[in-house]
Amino acid sequence: MTDRTRRRRSRPFGRSTPAGLVARYTTLLFAAAVTIGPLLWELSTSLKSKSEDVYTASPQFVPHHPTLGNYGEVARTIPVWHFASNSLVVAGLCVAGNLIGATIAGFALARLQFRGRGLMFGLFLSTLLLPGEVTIISQFQTVTKLGLGDTLLGVALPGMIGALNVLLMRNAFSSIPRDVDEAAVIDGATVLQRVRFIGLPNVKGTLAVVAILAFIGAWDDFLWPLLVLQSPDKLTLTVGLSYLKGTFSADPRTIAAGAMIALIPILALFVSLQRLFFKGVGEGAVKG
């Protein structure tokens, strides 16, 4: 394909023509409507009062009488803050496990020479092809035999080291110039010193990506906590919110308010780490 052909095909999205601006902003508006639209609709529903009909064929997007009473109704119906604290414990364990375990495993795959390294790397890649439902029975049996059934640690254990996070850390460590690592070896640096003083300062962005992915995965998980936990006081937030929908009644305003409460920690974490997150997206893309 010639340069002229490439320019001609990309011209509608170029910056120099009005057609390019229209095409670009149309695409962005469509993407925003698909991704942000449902979130805004949930927020709108959670703020609607009992007098507003949410079942009408043409519901209004903006609430006529906005109220925060639905959020109080969530707290009166279920112990939402206790469930949220349980989810924070599980998510914290998963984040800590991935930051430590994925970092060590990723550095080993990227920088250390040992027999079977290629096989181990292939095994990590192969696990990404398996859906979680394939291994959930074996995970449940393992957690039960370890005596961790109906515990928050048992919920967090399978997600404390994710194969995807290991591969992200491996690619990030591989992008560090090898000359720097070899110089440290010549100076007598140990493996842990190389990880601490050479590896970690150069992969802060990827660590933020791993933390966000691990937190979201643990916070939003529903099926696994539902299988492991039996005690009502140990339920996580995603499982506890299912009690907002009763057998004979279900108020979509209260359910929407519960969903917005569950979204707050994810937004707070992303906002606090967004600068490192976008930096980490590019780490490991180009080998230095």
Protein backbone atom coordinates (compact mmCIF):
# COMPACT_ATOMS: atom_id res chain seq x y z
CA MET A 1 0.00 0.00 0.00
CA THR A 2 1.49 3.35 -1.06
CA ASP A 3 1.69 6.47 1.10
CA ARG A 4 -0.83 8.19 -1.17
CA THR A 5 -3.32 5.37 -0.66
CA ARG A 6 -2.85 5.52 3.13
CA ARG A 7 -3.45 9.26 3.13
CA ARG A 8 -6.55 8.90 0.99
CA ARG A 9 -8.07 6.22 3.24
CA SER A 10 -7.38 8.11 6.47
CA ARG A 11 -8.44 11.49 5.12
CA PRO A 12 -12.03 11.50 6.53
CA PHE A 13 -10.53 11.24 10.03
CA GLY A 14 -7.75 13.77 9.41
CA ARG A 15 -7.54 17.06 11.26
CA SER A 16 -7.12 19.35 8.30
CA THR A 17 -10.63 19.08 6.81
CA PRO A 18 -14.10 19.82 8.21
CA ALA A 19 -15.16 16.31 7.18
CA GLY A 20 -12.38 14.90 9.35
CA LEU A 21 -13.59 16.85 12.39
CA VAL A 22 -17.17 15.75 11.83
CA ALA A 23 -16.15 12.09 11.45
CA ARG A 24 -13.96 12.20 14.55
CA TYR A 25 -16.49 13.84 16.83
CA THR A 26 -19.31 11.66 15.53
CA THR A 27 -17.28 8.57 16.39
CA LEU A 28 -16.43 9.93 19.84
CA LEU A 29 -20.05 10.85 20.57
CA PHE A 30 -21.22 7.38 19.52
CA ALA A 31 -18.60 5.71 21.74
CA ALA A 32 -19.55 7.97 24.67
CA ALA A 33 -23.26 7.17 24.22
CA VAL A 34 -22.59 3.43 24.24
CA THR A 35 -20.20 3.42 27.21
CA ILE A 36 -21.34 6.31 29.40
CA GLY A 37 -25.04 6.33 28.49
CA PRO A 38 -26.07 3.31 30.62
CA LEU A 39 -24.13 4.69 33.59
CA LEU A 40 -25.90 8.07 33.37
CA TRP A 41 -29.25 6.31 33.04
CA GLU A 42 -28.60 4.31 36.20
CA LEU A 43 -27.66 7.52 38.01
CA SER A 44 -30.85 9.18 36.79
CA THR A 45 -32.99 6.25 37.92
CA SER A 46 -31.37 6.24 41.36
CA LEU A 47 -32.34 9.91 41.86
CA LYS A 48 -35.99 9.57 40.84
CA SER A 49 -38.66 9.86 43.51
CA LYS A 50 -41.41 7.36 44.18
CA SER A 51 -43.92 9.61 42.43
CA GLU A 52 -42.16 9.25 39.08
CA ASP A 53 -43.15 6.34 36.87
CA VAL A 54 -40.07 4.41 35.74
CA TYR A 55 -42.11 1.79 33.88
CA THR A 56 -43.65 4.16 31.36
CA ALA A 57 -42.99 3.61 27.67
CA SER A 58 -41.24 6.98 27.44
CA PRO A 59 -39.40 7.57 30.74
CA GLN A 60 -37.76 10.93 31.37
CA PHE A 61 -33.98 11.07 31.59
CA VAL A 62 -33.84 14.02 33.99
CA PRO A 63 -35.66 13.40 37.31
CA HIS A 64 -38.53 15.82 37.99
CA HIS A 65 -38.06 15.63 41.76
CA PRO A 66 -34.52 14.39 42.43
CA THR A 67 -33.97 12.75 45.79
CA LEU A 68 -31.31 10.83 47.69
CA GLY A 69 -33.90 8.81 49.55
CA ASN A 70 -33.26 5.75 47.41
CA TYR A 71 -29.71 5.53 48.77
CA GLY A 72 -31.07 5.59 52.31
CA GLU A 73 -33.52 2.86 51.32
CA VAL A 74 -30.58 0.68 50.25
CA ALA A 75 -28.98 1.07 53.69
CA ARG A 76 -32.29 0.25 55.40
CA THR A 77 -32.91 -2.84 53.28
CA ILE A 78 -29.46 -4.46 53.53
CA PRO A 79 -26.29 -3.80 55.60
CA VAL A 80 -24.67 -2.25 52.56
CA TRP A 81 -21.69 -0.74 54.39
CA HIS A 82 -20.85 -4.05 56.05
CA PHE A 83 -21.02 -5.80 52.68
CA ALA A 84 -18.83 -3.05 51.20
CA SER A 85 -16.22 -3.55 53.93
CA ASN A 86 -16.13 -7.28 53.14
CA SER A 87 -15.60 -6.48 49.46
CA LEU A 88 -12.82 -4.06 50.37
CA VAL A 89 -11.05 -6.78 52.35
CA VAL A 90 -11.28 -9.21 49.41
CA ALA A 91 -10.20 -6.57 46.89
CA GLY A 92 -7.32 -5.46 49.11
CA LEU A 93 -6.03 -9.02 49.39
CA CYS A 94 -6.25 -9.48 45.62
CA VAL A 95 -4.47 -6.19 44.90
CA ALA A 96 -1.68 -6.93 47.39
CA GLY A 97 -1.26 -10.48 46.10
CA ASN A 98 -1.04 -9.36 42.48
CA LEU A 99 1.32 -6.48 43.18
CA ILE A 100 3.71 -8.79 45.00
CA GLY A 101 3.22 -12.12 43.24
CA ALA A 102 2.80 -10.82 39.70
CA THR A 103 5.85 -8.55 40.12
CA ILE A 104 8.09 -11.38 41.29
CA ALA A 105 6.82 -13.82 38.65
CA GLY A 106 7.01 -11.22 35.89
CA PHE A 107 10.59 -10.30 36.77
CA ALA A 108 11.59 -13.96 36.84
CA LEU A 109 10.12 -14.59 33.38
CA ALA A 110 11.68 -11.44 31.95
CA ARG A 111 15.15 -11.32 33.55
CA LEU A 112 16.13 -14.59 35.18
CA GLN A 113 17.59 -17.56 33.32
CA PHE A 114 16.33 -20.93 34.50
CA ARG A 115 15.41 -24.27 32.99
CA GLY A 116 11.83 -24.44 31.76
CA ARG A 117 11.32 -20.67 31.52
CA GLY A 118 9.83 -20.95 28.02
CA LEU A 119 7.51 -23.75 29.14
CA MET A 120 6.37 -21.71 32.13
CA PHE A 121 5.70 -18.72 29.91
CA GLY A 122 3.66 -20.90 27.59
CA LEU A 123 1.61 -22.21 30.50
CA PHE A 124 0.77 -18.68 31.59
CA LEU A 125 -0.35 -17.88 28.06
CA SER A 126 -2.47 -21.04 27.85
CA THR A 127 -4.37 -20.18 31.04
CA LEU A 128 -5.67 -17.03 29.35
CA LEU A 129 -7.53 -19.22 26.84
CA LEU A 130 -9.57 -20.95 29.56
CA PRO A 131 -12.77 -19.29 30.82
CA GLY A 132 -13.10 -19.05 34.57
CA GLU A 133 -16.06 -21.45 34.63
CA VAL A 134 -13.78 -24.30 33.52
CA THR A 135 -11.66 -24.21 36.68
CA ILE A 136 -14.23 -22.99 39.19
CA ILE A 137 -15.06 -26.52 40.47
CA SER A 138 -11.41 -27.39 41.09
CA GLN A 139 -10.88 -24.01 42.76
CA PHE A 140 -13.85 -24.64 45.05
CA GLN A 141 -12.55 -28.09 46.02
CA THR A 142 -9.07 -26.68 46.71
CA VAL A 143 -10.38 -23.84 48.87
CA THR A 144 -12.65 -26.21 50.79
CA LYS A 145 -9.86 -28.74 51.46
CA LEU A 146 -7.66 -25.91 52.75
CA GLY A 147 -10.35 -25.09 55.30
CA LEU A 148 -11.03 -21.68 53.76
CA GLY A 149 -14.65 -22.26 52.82
CA ASP A 150 -17.03 -19.49 53.92
CA THR A 151 -14.11 -17.10 54.53
CA LEU A 152 -13.07 -13.88 52.83
CA LEU A 153 -9.57 -15.28 52.35
CA GLY A 154 -11.07 -18.21 50.46
CA VAL A 155 -12.86 -15.74 48.17
CA ALA A 156 -9.67 -13.78 47.52
CA LEU A 157 -7.22 -16.68 47.16
CA PRO A 158 -7.83 -17.67 43.49
CA GLY A 159 -7.50 -14.07 42.34
CA MET A 160 -4.39 -13.11 44.31
CA ILE A 161 -2.13 -13.82 41.32
CA GLY A 162 -3.61 -13.41 37.85
CA ALA A 163 -1.94 -14.81 34.74
CA LEU A 164 -2.73 -11.65 32.77
CA ASN A 165 -1.10 -9.48 35.43
CA VAL A 166 2.01 -11.67 35.37
CA LEU A 167 2.28 -11.22 31.61
CA LEU A 168 1.80 -7.45 31.93
CA MET A 169 4.63 -7.26 34.46
CA ARG A 170 6.80 -9.54 32.32
CA ASN A 171 6.40 -7.24 29.30
CA ALA A 172 7.08 -4.16 31.42
CA PHE A 173 10.30 -5.60 32.84
CA SER A 174 11.36 -6.78 29.36
CA SER A 175 11.16 -3.19 28.09
CA ILE A 176 13.91 -2.06 30.49
CA PRO A 177 17.30 -1.91 28.70
CA ARG A 178 19.17 -5.11 29.45
CA ASP A 179 22.48 -3.23 29.75
CA VAL A 180 21.25 -1.58 32.95
CA ASP A 181 20.38 -4.94 34.46
CA GLU A 182 23.67 -6.51 33.42
CA ALA A 183 25.61 -3.60 34.94
CA ALA A 184 23.85 -4.20 38.24
CA VAL A 185 24.77 -7.89 38.11
CA ILE A 186 28.42 -6.96 37.52
CA ASP A 187 28.28 -4.63 40.53
CA GLY A 188 27.12 -7.54 42.68
CA ALA A 189 23.42 -6.64 43.02
CA THR A 190 21.16 -9.44 44.20
CA VAL A 191 17.90 -10.32 42.48
CA LEU A 192 15.83 -8.49 45.08
CA GLN A 193 18.04 -5.40 44.77
CA ARG A 194 17.59 -5.46 41.00
CA VAL A 195 13.84 -5.70 41.43
CA ARG A 196 13.73 -2.90 43.99
CA PHE A 197 16.17 -0.36 42.56
CA ILE A 198 15.99 -1.06 38.81
CA GLY A 199 12.74 -2.83 38.04
CA LEU A 200 10.11 -1.18 40.22
CA PRO A 201 11.03 2.48 39.50
CA ASN A 202 10.58 1.79 35.77
CA VAL A 203 7.25 -0.06 35.93
CA LYS A 204 5.15 2.16 38.19
CA GLY A 205 2.59 2.65 35.44
CA THR A 206 2.13 -1.08 34.93
CA LEU A 207 1.79 -1.56 38.68
CA ALA A 208 -1.11 0.92 38.59
CA VAL A 209 -2.71 -1.03 35.74
CA VAL A 210 -2.33 -4.29 37.68
CA ALA A 211 -3.79 -2.72 40.83
CA ILE A 212 -6.82 -1.37 38.98
CA LEU A 213 -7.49 -4.62 37.10
CA ALA A 214 -7.11 -6.71 40.26
CA PHE A 215 -9.39 -4.41 42.26
CA ILE A 216 -12.12 -4.32 39.62
CA GLY A 217 -11.97 -8.08 39.11
CA ALA A 218 -12.34 -8.78 42.84
CA TRP A 219 -14.88 -6.03 43.52
CA ASP A 220 -17.23 -6.96 40.65
CA ASP A 221 -17.02 -10.75 41.03
CA PHE A 222 -20.38 -12.35 41.80
CA LEU A 223 -20.34 -16.06 40.98
CA TRP A 224 -17.27 -17.07 43.02
CA PRO A 225 -18.29 -15.33 46.30
CA LEU A 226 -21.78 -16.74 45.84
CA LEU A 227 -20.33 -20.27 45.82
CA VAL A 228 -17.83 -19.87 48.65
CA LEU A 229 -19.78 -17.81 51.18
CA GLN A 230 -22.74 -19.08 53.16
CA SER A 231 -22.84 -16.81 56.23
CA PRO A 232 -24.93 -13.65 55.64
CA ASP A 233 -22.46 -11.49 57.60
CA LYS A 234 -19.61 -12.46 55.24
CA LEU A 235 -21.29 -11.66 51.93
CA THR A 236 -19.57 -9.28 49.55
CA LEU A 237 -21.33 -6.23 48.12
CA THR A 238 -22.16 -7.72 44.73
CA VAL A 239 -23.85 -10.72 46.34
CA GLY A 240 -25.54 -8.60 49.00
CA LEU A 241 -27.06 -6.26 46.43
CA SER A 242 -28.99 -9.19 44.98
CA TYR A 243 -31.19 -9.04 48.11
CA LEU A 244 -32.56 -5.70 46.91
CA LYS A 245 -34.63 -7.66 44.42
CA GLY A 246 -37.24 -9.50 46.45
CA THR A 247 -39.41 -12.41 45.43
CA PHE A 248 -42.57 -10.33 45.11
CA SER A 249 -41.24 -6.79 44.73
CA ALA A 250 -38.30 -5.01 43.19
CA ASP A 251 -37.87 -1.25 43.03
CA PRO A 252 -35.57 -0.29 40.13
CA ARG A 253 -34.78 3.01 41.89
CA THR A 254 -33.31 1.20 44.90
CA ILE A 255 -31.47 -1.30 42.71
CA ALA A 256 -29.97 1.55 40.68
CA ALA A 257 -28.91 3.31 43.89
CA GLY A 258 -27.18 0.13 45.07
CA ALA A 259 -25.37 -0.16 41.75
CA MET A 260 -24.14 3.43 42.04
CA ILE A 261 -22.87 2.76 45.59
CA ALA A 262 -20.90 -0.21 44.26
CA LEU A 263 -19.41 1.98 41.53
CA ILE A 264 -18.00 4.65 43.84
CA PRO A 265 -14.82 2.78 45.00
CA ILE A 266 -13.92 1.85 41.41
CA LEU A 267 -14.21 5.47 40.28
CA ALA A 268 -12.22 6.68 43.29
CA LEU A 269 -9.39 4.21 42.61
CA PHE A 270 -9.25 5.03 38.91
CA VAL A 271 -9.24 8.79 39.50
CA SER A 272 -6.41 8.49 42.02
CA LEU A 273 -4.29 6.29 39.71
CA GLN A 274 -5.32 7.54 36.27
CA ARG A 275 -2.03 9.35 35.60
CA LEU A 276 -0.01 6.20 36.29
CA PHE A 277 -2.63 4.07 34.52
CA PHE A 278 -2.26 5.83 31.18
CA LYS A 279 1.51 5.77 31.60
CA GLY A 280 1.40 2.03 32.23
CA VAL A 281 -0.65 1.33 29.10
CA GLY A 282 2.41 2.14 27.01
CA GLU A 283 5.00 0.38 29.15
CA GLY A 284 6.23 -2.75 27.52
CA ALA A 285 4.81 -1.80 24.13
CA VAL A 286 8.24 -0.81 22.79
CA LYS A 287 11.31 -2.62 24.00
CA GLY A 288 14.05 -0.21 25.02
